[in-house]
Amino acid sequence: MTKFFPAMAFALLAATSLSTAALARPPISPERLSQDVKILASEEFQGRAPGTEGETITLNWLVKQLETIGLEPAGPGGQWMQDVPLVRTQVQPGAMQASLNGKVIPLAQGKEVFVSTVRPVDRVTIDNAPMVFMGYGVTAPEQGWDDFKGVDLKGKIAVFLVNDPDFEATEADDAAGKFGNRRMTYYGRWTYKFEEAARRGAIGALIVHDTPGAGYDWKTVIAPGGENYDLADVPADQRILLQGWLEGAAAARLFANAGEDLAALRVKARQKDFHPVPLKGATFSADIPVQHTRVMSRNVLAKIPGKSRPDEEILYGVHWDAHGIGAPAADGSTVRAGANDDALGVAALLEIARALKAGPQPERTVTFGFWTAEERGLLGSEAYADAIASRAGKIVANIDIDIMNTGGPARDVLLVGHGQNELEDDLARFAAAQGRTVTPEALPERGLFYRADHLPFARRGVPTLLFMAISGAPDLVDGGRAAGEAWLKAYMACYHQTCDRWTPELDFRGAADDVALAYEIGRDLANSDRWPQWKPGSEFGGIRAQSATGK
């Protein structure tokens, strides 16, 4: 990793082929990015967990910065903050089992299954609920695809496959090419499957885990330890009582004991005529105590009002939260400070705000959202998106920043969600002006496009652009793609760990280049009359067509 010496930053860039473009870029300061990250990731901020003293310290600091820059509050009632009531749940040791034609098979938490709940209940009790295999659990009218076929799931346990119907499809399968091929669509996300199960009245839902389809191994699945978060006061019928995963080998054994071949059913689930399969003689029971608490957290909202079209809006977003204080790491550290994830995103939005405020007033309003509880399920951004749903058609675009390149200047910028909407064309245009190219994400099957704070806005039809450097290895000016791979590997070893902290070795110049892109794209839209559109085939295009009637 290249060591960053602030005084040498532009001198070093002048030695590269990017020097001319770099000198012409907007005033995004690597030094200020570094300074703000150092503060936000310090011990004083206690890992910025929602509902803790660390949140209070973070929000007070944020508001002070926004006031200093000269922004206006954009929260309800002209306040800086929006309340986001949360519920935290933690399942306790209990009992789970499957009954197969009278034979009882115990299911151990973290071994055969991993479950949690988002309902604020004292106990999860399920008594011999029938189990039904639902394939991939997809309802996609635009593709003429329906895995449910009208089957009644009330009081039942829905069992799903992870990812999309075409993730493993061959040319002989109906699903081939219908769901992005290896690129995951929203239908492949576990959140969608749980939502669909709730809509159908299921009492519980379990997803069969496999590492390629999920994009992570079983250790990652069980890492939360039964803890979950959700927005408070959500009607019970919008959330299933129990949600979780079946370990892959355990699922295959369960299916075999019920007289079914899971491997063969995977193939059948890739066909349009797939019909849900009841697991004959198989029922699921659970008796699990639950601890639950209510937590009040907050989003921070600021704006630069538009001069001529203030009702039309460009929305920038980041999450301010990290993982708080945890068990001691090998070096004894306990603060999971989230320096890159996402203190750097917060610093980036402050830089964009400074640059926009220093220039002419934009024609359209520019709003800055600093979201809570992203690490708990995109909850802060979801709360805001729900609150402004009636005017989603007036939001021109959402630009989200979540994890940036701290390995040094790069010849490219990474694109998450290739083929989704026209903002990626803007990204290519402004990257070219910097002398850079756009590289699509390396592992689209992992569904990163559905795992950050832009998603709640996409789901309401707003075109979105996500900056996320861990979607592939950057092509670094110093060392190329190999150096980018080394940076990515080193960072991922610290992902959500105490070692994601500020150090003098972090090089913020590459991040500053990407922040400049986000600034230029937003400024251009804020001073134009363009309305970026979703591209053909995006699952969000139809939503935009409906919400756009309000423009």
Protein backbone atom coordinates (compact mmCIF):
# COMPACT_ATOMS: atom_id res chain seq x y z
CA MET A 1 0.00 0.00 0.00
CA THR A 2 1.45 3.37 -1.02
CA LYS A 3 2.14 5.64 1.92
CA PHE A 4 0.32 9.00 1.66
CA PHE A 5 2.39 12.14 2.15
CA PRO A 6 -0.07 15.06 1.77
CA ALA A 7 2.48 17.62 0.66
CA MET A 8 3.61 15.34 -2.16
CA ALA A 9 0.16 14.32 -3.44
CA PHE A 10 -0.12 16.48 -6.52
CA ALA A 11 3.58 16.29 -7.28
CA LEU A 12 3.27 12.53 -7.42
CA LEU A 13 0.21 12.77 -9.67
CA ALA A 14 2.04 15.08 -12.01
CA ALA A 15 4.37 12.22 -12.76
CA THR A 16 1.53 10.08 -14.09
CA SER A 17 -0.45 10.16 -17.32
CA LEU A 18 -3.40 11.42 -15.29
CA SER A 19 -1.71 14.62 -14.16
CA THR A 20 -3.43 17.04 -16.57
CA ALA A 21 -6.90 15.78 -15.70
CA ALA A 22 -6.08 15.68 -11.99
CA LEU A 23 -5.08 19.36 -11.90
CA ALA A 24 -8.41 20.31 -13.49
CA ARG A 25 -10.57 18.38 -11.06
CA PRO A 26 -12.92 19.98 -8.53
CA PRO A 27 -11.65 20.95 -5.07
CA ILE A 28 -11.94 17.57 -3.35
CA SER A 29 -9.17 17.44 -0.77
CA PRO A 30 -7.47 14.12 0.11
CA GLU A 31 -6.12 15.86 3.20
CA ARG A 32 -9.59 16.80 4.47
CA LEU A 33 -10.88 13.29 3.71
CA SER A 34 -8.05 11.92 5.84
CA GLN A 35 -8.65 14.41 8.66
CA ASP A 36 -12.39 13.70 8.86
CA VAL A 37 -11.89 9.93 8.76
CA LYS A 38 -9.29 10.17 11.52
CA ILE A 39 -11.85 11.95 13.71
CA LEU A 40 -14.85 9.72 12.93
CA ALA A 41 -12.83 6.51 13.36
CA SER A 42 -11.24 7.61 16.62
CA GLU A 43 -11.82 5.90 19.96
CA GLU A 44 -13.94 8.87 21.06
CA PHE A 45 -16.69 7.92 18.57
CA GLN A 46 -16.91 4.37 19.97
CA GLY A 47 -17.58 2.66 16.65
CA ARG A 48 -20.70 4.76 15.90
CA ALA A 49 -23.29 2.13 16.82
CA PRO A 50 -26.97 3.19 16.69
CA GLY A 51 -28.57 3.90 20.03
CA THR A 52 -25.28 4.40 21.88
CA GLU A 53 -23.27 7.33 23.18
CA GLY A 54 -21.21 6.92 20.01
CA GLU A 55 -24.28 7.89 17.97
CA THR A 56 -24.81 11.05 20.01
CA ILE A 57 -21.17 12.09 19.55
CA THR A 58 -21.34 11.33 15.81
CA LEU A 59 -24.55 13.25 15.16
CA ASN A 60 -23.45 16.30 17.12
CA TRP A 61 -20.19 16.39 15.18
CA LEU A 62 -22.01 15.97 11.86
CA VAL A 63 -24.47 18.78 12.48
CA LYS A 64 -21.63 21.10 13.48
CA GLN A 65 -19.82 20.37 10.20
CA LEU A 66 -22.98 20.95 8.13
CA GLU A 67 -23.66 24.25 9.91
CA THR A 68 -20.07 25.34 9.30
CA ILE A 69 -20.35 24.52 5.59
CA GLY A 70 -23.54 26.60 5.41
CA LEU A 71 -26.12 23.95 4.53
CA GLU A 72 -29.75 24.10 5.62
CA PRO A 73 -31.48 21.40 7.69
CA ALA A 74 -33.68 19.09 5.59
CA GLY A 75 -35.31 16.90 8.22
CA PRO A 76 -38.96 16.94 9.28
CA GLY A 77 -40.12 20.33 10.53
CA GLY A 78 -36.93 22.02 9.35
CA GLN A 79 -34.77 20.01 11.77
CA TRP A 80 -31.39 18.43 11.12
CA MET A 81 -32.55 14.95 12.11
CA GLN A 82 -35.22 12.38 11.36
CA ASP A 83 -36.13 9.98 14.14
CA VAL A 84 -35.70 6.32 13.20
CA PRO A 85 -37.21 4.03 15.88
CA LEU A 86 -35.61 0.58 15.76
CA VAL A 87 -36.27 -2.74 17.42
CA ARG A 88 -33.34 -5.01 18.32
CA THR A 89 -34.01 -8.70 18.78
CA GLN A 90 -31.78 -11.50 20.02
CA VAL A 91 -32.88 -15.12 19.96
CA GLN A 92 -31.84 -17.08 23.06
CA PRO A 93 -30.96 -20.78 23.36
CA GLY A 94 -34.06 -22.80 22.55
CA ALA A 95 -35.22 -25.88 20.70
CA MET A 96 -35.82 -26.54 17.00
CA GLN A 97 -36.61 -29.77 15.24
CA ALA A 98 -37.94 -31.30 12.07
CA SER A 99 -40.38 -34.19 12.25
CA LEU A 100 -40.26 -36.60 9.32
CA ASN A 101 -43.11 -39.10 9.34
CA GLY A 102 -42.91 -39.25 13.12
CA LYS A 103 -39.11 -39.33 13.33
CA VAL A 104 -37.77 -36.32 15.26
CA ILE A 105 -34.56 -34.71 13.96
CA PRO A 106 -33.09 -32.00 16.26
CA LEU A 107 -31.83 -28.88 14.46
CA ALA A 108 -29.01 -27.04 16.23
CA GLN A 109 -28.68 -23.24 15.89
CA GLY A 110 -25.50 -22.44 13.99
CA LYS A 111 -25.02 -26.02 12.81
CA GLU A 112 -27.99 -27.33 10.80
CA VAL A 113 -29.91 -24.05 10.86
CA PHE A 114 -29.43 -20.41 11.70
CA VAL A 115 -32.52 -18.38 12.59
CA SER A 116 -33.54 -15.00 13.95
CA THR A 117 -36.66 -12.89 14.17
CA VAL A 118 -37.40 -9.22 13.57
CA ARG A 119 -40.67 -9.29 15.47
CA PRO A 120 -40.61 -7.85 19.03
CA VAL A 121 -41.99 -11.00 20.64
CA ASP A 122 -41.00 -12.70 23.89
CA ARG A 123 -41.00 -16.14 22.36
CA VAL A 124 -41.12 -17.80 18.94
CA THR A 125 -43.38 -20.83 19.10
CA ILE A 126 -44.06 -22.94 16.01
CA ASP A 127 -45.79 -26.29 16.36
CA ASN A 128 -45.37 -28.79 13.52
CA ALA A 129 -45.70 -26.30 10.66
CA PRO A 130 -45.75 -28.02 7.24
CA MET A 131 -42.67 -27.38 5.08
CA VAL A 132 -43.00 -26.47 1.39
CA PHE A 133 -40.15 -26.15 -1.13
CA MET A 134 -40.77 -22.96 -3.16
CA GLY A 135 -37.87 -23.12 -5.60
CA TYR A 136 -36.30 -19.67 -5.87
CA GLY A 137 -39.42 -17.94 -4.56
CA VAL A 138 -39.63 -15.49 -7.46
CA THR A 139 -42.67 -13.62 -8.72
CA ALA A 140 -41.55 -11.63 -11.78
CA PRO A 141 -44.49 -10.61 -13.99
CA GLU A 142 -42.18 -8.89 -16.47
CA GLN A 143 -40.59 -12.29 -17.15
CA GLY A 144 -43.80 -14.28 -16.94
CA TRP A 145 -42.33 -16.08 -13.94
CA ASP A 146 -44.21 -17.25 -10.83
CA ASP A 147 -42.77 -19.83 -8.47
CA PHE A 148 -45.76 -19.69 -6.12
CA LYS A 149 -48.57 -20.79 -8.48
CA GLY A 150 -51.19 -19.66 -5.99
CA VAL A 151 -50.11 -22.07 -3.24
CA ASP A 152 -51.39 -21.08 0.20
CA LEU A 153 -48.46 -20.60 2.62
CA LYS A 154 -50.44 -19.55 5.68
CA GLY A 155 -49.01 -21.21 8.77
CA LYS A 156 -46.30 -22.97 6.75
CA ILE A 157 -42.50 -22.88 6.50
CA ALA A 158 -41.35 -21.77 3.04
CA VAL A 159 -38.02 -23.28 1.94
CA PHE A 160 -36.15 -21.36 -0.78
CA LEU A 161 -33.03 -21.64 -2.88
CA VAL A 162 -30.63 -18.72 -2.70
CA ASN A 163 -29.92 -16.44 -5.69
CA ASP A 164 -31.87 -16.32 -9.00
CA PRO A 165 -33.45 -19.05 -11.15
CA ASP A 166 -30.78 -18.57 -13.82
CA PHE A 167 -27.74 -18.56 -11.50
CA GLU A 168 -26.92 -22.17 -12.44
CA ALA A 169 -29.08 -22.35 -15.57
CA THR A 170 -28.03 -23.97 -18.85
CA GLU A 171 -29.40 -23.18 -22.30
CA ALA A 172 -31.92 -25.98 -21.83
CA ASP A 173 -33.53 -24.20 -18.87
CA ASP A 174 -36.41 -21.73 -19.18
CA ALA A 175 -34.66 -19.39 -16.75
CA ALA A 176 -31.54 -18.98 -18.90
CA GLY A 177 -30.74 -15.28 -19.30
CA LYS A 178 -33.94 -14.04 -17.68
CA PHE A 179 -32.46 -12.83 -14.41
CA GLY A 180 -29.12 -11.31 -15.31
CA ASN A 181 -27.31 -14.63 -15.86
CA ARG A 182 -24.55 -14.67 -13.23
CA ARG A 183 -25.43 -11.11 -12.14
CA MET A 184 -27.79 -11.30 -9.18
CA THR A 185 -31.05 -9.40 -9.45
CA TYR A 186 -33.12 -8.29 -6.48
CA TYR A 187 -35.11 -11.52 -6.80
CA GLY A 188 -31.99 -13.37 -5.68
CA ARG A 189 -31.53 -11.51 -2.40
CA TRP A 190 -32.54 -13.21 0.81
CA THR A 191 -34.36 -10.04 1.87
CA TYR A 192 -36.70 -10.34 -1.12
CA LYS A 193 -37.47 -13.98 -0.32
CA PHE A 194 -38.34 -13.19 3.29
CA GLU A 195 -40.53 -10.29 2.17
CA GLU A 196 -42.33 -12.50 -0.35
CA ALA A 197 -42.88 -15.19 2.28
CA ALA A 198 -44.46 -12.60 4.59
CA ARG A 199 -46.72 -11.36 1.80
CA ARG A 200 -47.90 -14.94 1.30
CA GLY A 201 -48.66 -15.48 4.99
CA ALA A 202 -45.88 -17.94 5.84
CA ILE A 203 -45.06 -18.32 9.52
CA GLY A 204 -41.38 -18.88 8.71
CA ALA A 205 -38.88 -19.03 5.87
CA LEU A 206 -35.60 -20.89 5.48
CA ILE A 207 -33.11 -20.45 2.65
CA VAL A 208 -30.90 -23.36 1.61
CA HIS A 209 -27.33 -22.13 1.89
CA ASP A 210 -24.65 -22.76 -0.69
CA THR A 211 -21.50 -20.69 -0.84
CA PRO A 212 -21.46 -19.91 -4.61
CA GLY A 213 -25.10 -18.82 -4.64
CA ALA A 214 -24.93 -16.77 -1.45
CA GLY A 215 -21.51 -15.28 -2.15
CA TYR A 216 -20.31 -16.12 1.37
CA ASP A 217 -19.71 -19.19 3.48
CA TRP A 218 -21.64 -20.63 6.43
CA LYS A 219 -19.39 -18.84 8.93
CA THR A 220 -20.60 -15.53 7.55
CA VAL A 221 -24.24 -16.64 7.80
CA ILE A 222 -23.96 -17.41 11.51
CA ALA A 223 -21.75 -14.41 12.40
CA PRO A 224 -24.64 -12.21 13.73
CA GLY A 225 -25.24 -14.76 16.50
CA GLY A 226 -29.03 -14.55 16.34
CA GLU A 227 -29.16 -10.75 16.61
CA ASN A 228 -31.37 -8.77 14.25
CA TYR A 229 -32.71 -5.26 13.80
CA ASP A 230 -35.76 -3.80 12.10
CA LEU A 231 -37.74 -0.62 11.94
CA ALA A 232 -40.04 -0.39 14.94
CA ASP A 233 -43.82 -0.47 14.63
CA VAL A 234 -43.91 -2.47 11.40
CA PRO A 235 -47.22 -4.39 11.24
CA ALA A 236 -46.68 -8.02 12.21
CA ASP A 237 -48.20 -9.32 8.97
CA GLN A 238 -45.39 -7.62 7.03
CA ARG A 239 -42.71 -9.73 8.73
CA ILE A 240 -42.45 -13.48 9.07
CA LEU A 241 -42.16 -14.79 12.61
CA LEU A 242 -38.97 -16.77 11.98
CA GLN A 243 -36.40 -16.32 9.23
CA GLY A 244 -33.09 -17.96 8.55
CA TRP A 245 -31.00 -20.51 6.69
CA LEU A 246 -30.68 -24.25 6.29
CA GLU A 247 -27.08 -25.44 6.05
CA GLY A 248 -26.62 -27.05 2.62
CA ALA A 249 -25.75 -30.62 3.62
CA ALA A 250 -28.39 -30.62 6.36
CA ALA A 251 -30.99 -29.47 3.81
CA ALA A 252 -30.06 -32.27 1.42
CA ARG A 253 -30.50 -34.83 4.21
CA LEU A 254 -33.85 -33.38 5.25
CA PHE A 255 -35.14 -33.48 1.67
CA ALA A 256 -33.89 -37.06 1.21
CA ASN A 257 -35.69 -38.17 4.38
CA ALA A 258 -38.85 -36.62 2.93
CA GLY A 259 -38.39 -38.62 -0.27
CA GLU A 260 -37.09 -35.73 -2.39
CA ASP A 261 -33.83 -35.15 -4.25
CA LEU A 262 -32.72 -31.58 -3.60
CA ALA A 263 -30.27 -31.61 -6.52
CA ALA A 264 -33.03 -32.68 -8.91
CA LEU A 265 -35.39 -30.05 -7.50
CA ARG A 266 -32.77 -27.38 -8.17
CA VAL A 267 -32.99 -28.24 -11.86
CA LYS A 268 -36.80 -28.27 -11.84
CA ALA A 269 -36.83 -24.86 -10.18
CA ARG A 270 -35.15 -23.40 -13.28
CA GLN A 271 -38.28 -24.11 -15.36
CA LYS A 272 -41.35 -21.89 -15.75
CA ASP A 273 -43.71 -24.74 -14.96
CA PHE A 274 -42.08 -25.41 -11.58
CA HIS A 275 -44.73 -26.00 -8.95
CA PRO A 276 -44.13 -25.80 -5.17
CA VAL A 277 -43.32 -29.17 -3.62
CA PRO A 278 -44.71 -30.03 -0.14
CA LEU A 279 -42.14 -32.01 1.82
CA LYS A 280 -44.39 -34.96 2.61
CA GLY A 281 -44.48 -35.86 6.27
CA ALA A 282 -42.05 -33.04 7.15
CA THR A 283 -42.93 -30.43 9.75
CA PHE A 284 -40.92 -27.81 11.60
CA SER A 285 -41.21 -26.87 15.27
CA ALA A 286 -39.48 -24.22 17.36
CA ASP A 287 -39.64 -22.95 20.91
CA ILE A 288 -37.17 -20.07 21.23
CA PRO A 289 -37.05 -17.26 23.82
CA VAL A 290 -36.40 -13.79 22.41
CA GLN A 291 -34.96 -10.66 24.00
CA HIS A 292 -36.09 -7.43 22.36
CA THR A 293 -35.46 -3.75 23.01
CA ARG A 294 -36.54 -0.53 21.37
CA VAL A 295 -33.79 1.84 20.22
CA MET A 296 -34.20 5.39 18.97
CA SER A 297 -31.71 6.33 16.28
CA ARG A 298 -31.59 9.16 13.76
CA ASN A 299 -30.77 10.14 10.21
CA VAL A 300 -29.10 13.50 9.57
CA LEU A 301 -30.43 15.52 6.62
CA ALA A 302 -29.13 18.69 5.00
CA LYS A 303 -29.71 20.53 1.73
CA ILE A 304 -28.76 23.26 -0.68
CA PRO A 305 -32.11 24.56 -2.00
CA GLY A 306 -32.55 24.73 -5.75
CA LYS A 307 -32.70 28.20 -7.30
CA SER A 308 -35.26 27.65 -10.07
CA ARG A 309 -36.63 24.10 -9.54
CA PRO A 310 -36.41 23.46 -5.78
CA ASP A 311 -38.97 20.64 -5.90
CA GLU A 312 -36.65 18.57 -8.12
CA GLU A 313 -33.94 16.87 -6.11
CA ILE A 314 -30.53 15.24 -6.35
CA LEU A 315 -30.01 12.99 -3.31
CA TYR A 316 -26.55 12.03 -2.03
CA GLY A 317 -26.35 9.36 0.67
CA VAL A 318 -23.94 7.55 3.01
CA HIS A 319 -24.34 5.68 6.27
CA TRP A 320 -22.76 7.07 9.41
CA ASP A 321 -23.04 3.89 11.53
CA ALA A 322 -20.46 1.19 12.11
CA HIS A 323 -20.35 -1.83 14.43
CA GLY A 324 -19.61 -0.21 17.77
CA ILE A 325 -17.63 -1.98 20.50
CA GLY A 326 -17.16 -5.74 20.30
CA ALA A 327 -15.07 -8.58 21.64
CA PRO A 328 -11.31 -7.89 21.83
CA ALA A 329 -9.32 -8.63 18.67
CA ALA A 330 -5.91 -10.31 18.80
CA ASP A 331 -4.26 -6.95 19.50
CA GLY A 332 -6.75 -6.17 22.28
CA SER A 333 -8.69 -3.53 20.31
CA THR A 334 -12.47 -3.49 20.78
CA VAL A 335 -13.71 -0.51 18.73
CA ARG A 336 -14.95 -1.52 15.28
CA ALA A 337 -14.41 1.97 13.95
CA GLY A 338 -15.42 1.56 10.29
CA ALA A 339 -12.82 3.98 8.93
CA ASN A 340 -13.55 3.07 5.32
CA ASP A 341 -16.98 1.59 5.99
CA ASP A 342 -18.27 4.29 6.05
CA ALA A 343 -16.47 7.14 7.82
CA LEU A 344 -14.80 7.81 4.48
CA GLY A 345 -18.22 8.05 2.83
CA VAL A 346 -19.28 10.62 5.42
CA ALA A 347 -16.09 12.59 4.75
CA ALA A 348 -16.80 12.34 1.01
CA LEU A 349 -20.29 13.84 1.36
CA LEU A 350 -18.93 16.67 3.44
CA GLU A 351 -16.38 17.39 0.70
CA ILE A 352 -19.10 17.35 -1.98
CA ALA A 353 -21.21 19.68 0.16
CA ARG A 354 -18.29 22.09 0.57
CA ALA A 355 -17.60 22.09 -3.17
CA LEU A 356 -21.24 22.63 -4.16
CA LYS A 357 -21.81 25.31 -1.53
CA ALA A 358 -18.72 27.19 -2.70
CA GLY A 359 -20.09 27.37 -6.25
CA PRO A 360 -23.19 28.93 -7.80
CA GLN A 361 -26.52 27.90 -6.28
CA PRO A 362 -27.77 24.81 -8.18
CA GLU A 363 -30.99 24.99 -10.16
CA ARG A 364 -32.31 21.87 -8.46
CA THR A 365 -32.18 21.08 -4.74
CA VAL A 366 -29.28 18.93 -3.57
CA THR A 367 -30.02 16.88 -0.44
CA PHE A 368 -27.46 15.08 1.71
CA GLY A 369 -28.62 12.07 3.74
CA PHE A 370 -26.47 10.52 6.46
CA TRP A 371 -28.23 7.26 7.27
CA THR A 372 -28.33 5.21 10.43
CA ALA A 373 -28.41 1.41 10.73
CA GLU A 374 -27.12 0.46 7.29
CA GLU A 375 -25.12 -2.27 8.93
CA ARG A 376 -28.37 -3.53 10.49
CA GLY A 377 -30.23 -3.90 7.18
CA LEU A 378 -30.37 -0.51 5.37
CA LEU A 379 -32.88 0.65 7.98
CA GLY A 380 -32.17 4.39 8.10
CA SER A 381 -32.32 4.83 4.35
CA GLU A 382 -35.46 2.67 4.25
CA ALA A 383 -37.13 4.90 6.86
CA TYR A 384 -36.33 8.02 4.83
CA ALA A 385 -37.34 6.46 1.52
CA ASP A 386 -40.65 5.45 3.06
CA ALA A 387 -41.21 8.93 4.44
CA ILE A 388 -40.68 10.59 1.04
CA ALA A 389 -42.29 7.86 -1.10
CA SER A 390 -45.05 10.18 -2.29
CA ARG A 391 -42.49 12.45 -3.93
CA ALA A 392 -40.08 9.82 -5.20
CA GLY A 393 -40.96 10.86 -8.74
CA LYS A 394 -39.38 14.24 -8.04
CA ILE A 395 -36.02 12.75 -7.04
CA VAL A 396 -33.87 12.91 -10.15
CA ALA A 397 -31.15 10.56 -8.92
CA ASN A 398 -29.57 9.06 -5.81
CA ILE A 399 -25.78 8.79 -5.51
CA ASP A 400 -24.53 6.56 -2.68
CA ILE A 401 -20.96 6.18 -1.39
CA ASP A 402 -20.00 3.10 0.63
CA ILE A 403 -16.34 2.00 0.89
CA MET A 404 -13.73 3.68 -1.30
CA ASN A 405 -10.27 2.97 -2.65
CA THR A 406 -7.54 3.88 -0.16
CA GLY A 407 -4.76 2.24 -2.15
CA GLY A 408 -3.86 5.24 -4.30
CA PRO A 409 -4.85 6.80 -7.65
CA ALA A 410 -6.45 4.35 -10.11
CA ARG A 411 -6.80 4.25 -13.86
CA ASP A 412 -10.38 3.08 -13.53
CA VAL A 413 -13.49 3.39 -11.40
CA LEU A 414 -15.59 0.37 -10.49
CA LEU A 415 -19.25 0.17 -11.51
CA VAL A 416 -21.71 -1.79 -9.39
CA GLY A 417 -24.88 -2.91 -11.17
CA HIS A 418 -23.84 -2.71 -14.82
CA GLY A 419 -26.81 -2.23 -17.16
CA GLN A 420 -29.21 -0.80 -14.57
CA ASN A 421 -29.68 2.85 -15.50
CA GLU A 422 -28.33 5.85 -17.39
CA LEU A 423 -26.30 7.21 -14.48
CA GLU A 424 -23.60 4.72 -15.44
CA ASP A 425 -23.33 6.54 -18.77
CA ASP A 426 -22.70 9.75 -16.81
CA LEU A 427 -20.06 7.90 -14.80
CA ALA A 428 -18.28 6.84 -18.00
CA ARG A 429 -18.42 10.37 -19.41
CA PHE A 430 -16.94 12.07 -16.37
CA ALA A 431 -14.40 9.29 -15.80
CA ALA A 432 -13.18 9.81 -19.37
CA ALA A 433 -12.72 13.51 -18.57
CA GLN A 434 -10.41 12.39 -15.76
CA GLY A 435 -8.50 10.16 -18.16
CA ARG A 436 -9.99 7.02 -16.58
CA THR A 437 -12.14 4.10 -17.63
CA VAL A 438 -15.07 2.24 -16.04
CA THR A 439 -14.66 -1.40 -14.96
CA PRO A 440 -17.80 -3.45 -14.20
CA GLU A 441 -17.85 -5.21 -10.83
CA ALA A 442 -15.87 -8.45 -10.77
CA LEU A 443 -18.40 -10.69 -8.97
CA PRO A 444 -21.92 -9.53 -9.93
CA GLU A 445 -23.40 -12.78 -8.59
CA ARG A 446 -22.77 -11.48 -5.07
CA GLY A 447 -25.49 -8.88 -5.54
CA LEU A 448 -23.63 -5.83 -4.20
CA PHE A 449 -26.12 -3.63 -6.04
CA TYR A 450 -28.75 -4.83 -3.55
CA ARG A 451 -26.68 -4.44 -0.40
CA ALA A 452 -26.23 -0.68 0.13
CA ASP A 453 -28.29 2.37 1.04
CA HIS A 454 -29.27 3.27 -2.51
CA LEU A 455 -31.52 0.18 -2.69
CA PRO A 456 -34.55 1.64 -0.86
CA PHE A 457 -34.60 4.45 -3.42
CA ALA A 458 -34.18 2.11 -6.38
CA ARG A 459 -37.13 0.12 -5.05
CA ARG A 460 -39.18 3.32 -5.29
CA GLY A 461 -38.07 3.93 -8.86
CA VAL A 462 -35.27 6.46 -8.31
CA PRO A 463 -32.24 5.89 -10.60
CA THR A 464 -29.22 5.20 -8.42
CA LEU A 465 -25.43 5.06 -8.63
CA LEU A 466 -23.30 3.26 -6.06
CA PHE A 467 -19.61 3.87 -5.42
CA MET A 468 -18.23 0.74 -3.73
CA ALA A 469 -14.57 -0.11 -4.17
CA ILE A 470 -14.80 -3.71 -2.91
CA SER A 471 -16.73 -4.74 -6.04
CA GLY A 472 -13.40 -5.58 -7.66
CA ALA A 473 -9.70 -4.74 -7.66
CA PRO A 474 -8.85 -1.23 -8.89
CA ASP A 475 -6.23 -0.76 -11.60
CA LEU A 476 -3.82 1.32 -9.52
CA VAL A 477 -1.49 3.77 -11.21
CA ASP A 478 1.28 2.45 -9.00
CA GLY A 479 1.34 -1.32 -9.53
CA GLY A 480 -1.68 -1.96 -11.75
CA ARG A 481 -4.38 -4.56 -11.11
CA ALA A 482 -2.02 -6.72 -9.05
CA ALA A 483 -1.49 -3.88 -6.59
CA GLY A 484 -5.25 -3.34 -6.57
CA GLU A 485 -5.78 -7.00 -5.71
CA ALA A 486 -3.30 -6.69 -2.84
CA TRP A 487 -5.10 -3.60 -1.52
CA LEU A 488 -8.50 -5.31 -1.77
CA LYS A 489 -7.29 -8.46 -0.03
CA ALA A 490 -5.75 -6.43 2.79
CA TYR A 491 -8.89 -4.36 3.23
CA MET A 492 -11.26 -7.34 3.19
CA ALA A 493 -9.24 -8.92 6.01
CA CYS A 494 -10.34 -5.90 8.06
CA TYR A 495 -13.93 -5.72 6.79
CA HIS A 496 -16.19 -5.12 9.82
CA GLN A 497 -13.20 -5.74 12.09
CA THR A 498 -11.34 -3.51 14.53
CA CYS A 499 -8.49 -3.08 12.04
CA ASP A 500 -10.69 -0.97 9.70
CA ARG A 501 -9.18 2.09 11.34
CA TRP A 502 -7.38 5.25 10.24
CA THR A 503 -3.60 4.96 9.80
CA PRO A 504 -1.05 7.32 8.22
CA GLU A 505 -0.46 4.71 5.50
CA LEU A 506 -3.93 5.15 3.97
CA ASP A 507 -3.74 6.91 0.60
CA PHE A 508 -6.84 9.05 0.02
CA ARG A 509 -5.94 10.35 -3.46
CA GLY A 510 -7.80 7.61 -5.32
CA ALA A 511 -10.83 8.13 -3.10
CA ALA A 512 -10.68 11.86 -3.83
CA ASP A 513 -10.78 11.13 -7.56
CA ASP A 514 -13.93 9.03 -7.11
CA VAL A 515 -15.52 11.66 -4.87
CA ALA A 516 -14.82 14.17 -7.64
CA LEU A 517 -16.77 11.94 -10.04
CA ALA A 518 -19.72 11.78 -7.65
CA TYR A 519 -19.56 15.57 -7.29
CA GLU A 520 -19.44 16.21 -11.05
CA ILE A 521 -22.32 13.85 -11.83
CA GLY A 522 -24.52 15.39 -9.14
CA ARG A 523 -23.62 18.97 -10.04
CA ASP A 524 -24.33 18.32 -13.72
CA LEU A 525 -27.77 16.88 -12.94
CA ALA A 526 -28.52 19.66 -10.46
CA ASN A 527 -28.01 22.24 -13.21
CA SER A 528 -29.79 20.43 -16.05
CA ASP A 529 -33.32 19.38 -16.93
CA ARG A 530 -32.35 15.75 -17.56
CA TRP A 531 -34.17 12.82 -15.94
CA PRO A 532 -31.97 9.68 -16.04
CA GLN A 533 -33.94 6.54 -16.84
CA TRP A 534 -33.65 2.86 -15.98
CA LYS A 535 -32.40 0.69 -18.83
CA PRO A 536 -34.52 -1.99 -20.50
CA GLY A 537 -34.59 -5.14 -18.40
CA SER A 538 -34.09 -3.45 -15.03
CA GLU A 539 -36.54 -4.66 -12.40
CA PHE A 540 -36.97 -1.05 -11.23
CA GLY A 541 -37.98 0.55 -14.53
CA GLY A 542 -41.66 -0.14 -14.13
CA ILE A 543 -41.71 1.50 -10.71
CA ARG A 544 -40.17 4.68 -12.13
CA ALA A 545 -42.77 4.77 -14.89
CA GLN A 546 -45.48 4.85 -12.22
CA SER A 547 -43.83 7.36 -9.86
CA ALA A 548 -42.81 9.66 -12.72
CA THR A 549 -46.43 10.70 -13.20
CA GLY A 550 -45.85 13.01 -10.26
CA LYS A 551 -43.04 14.93 -11.98
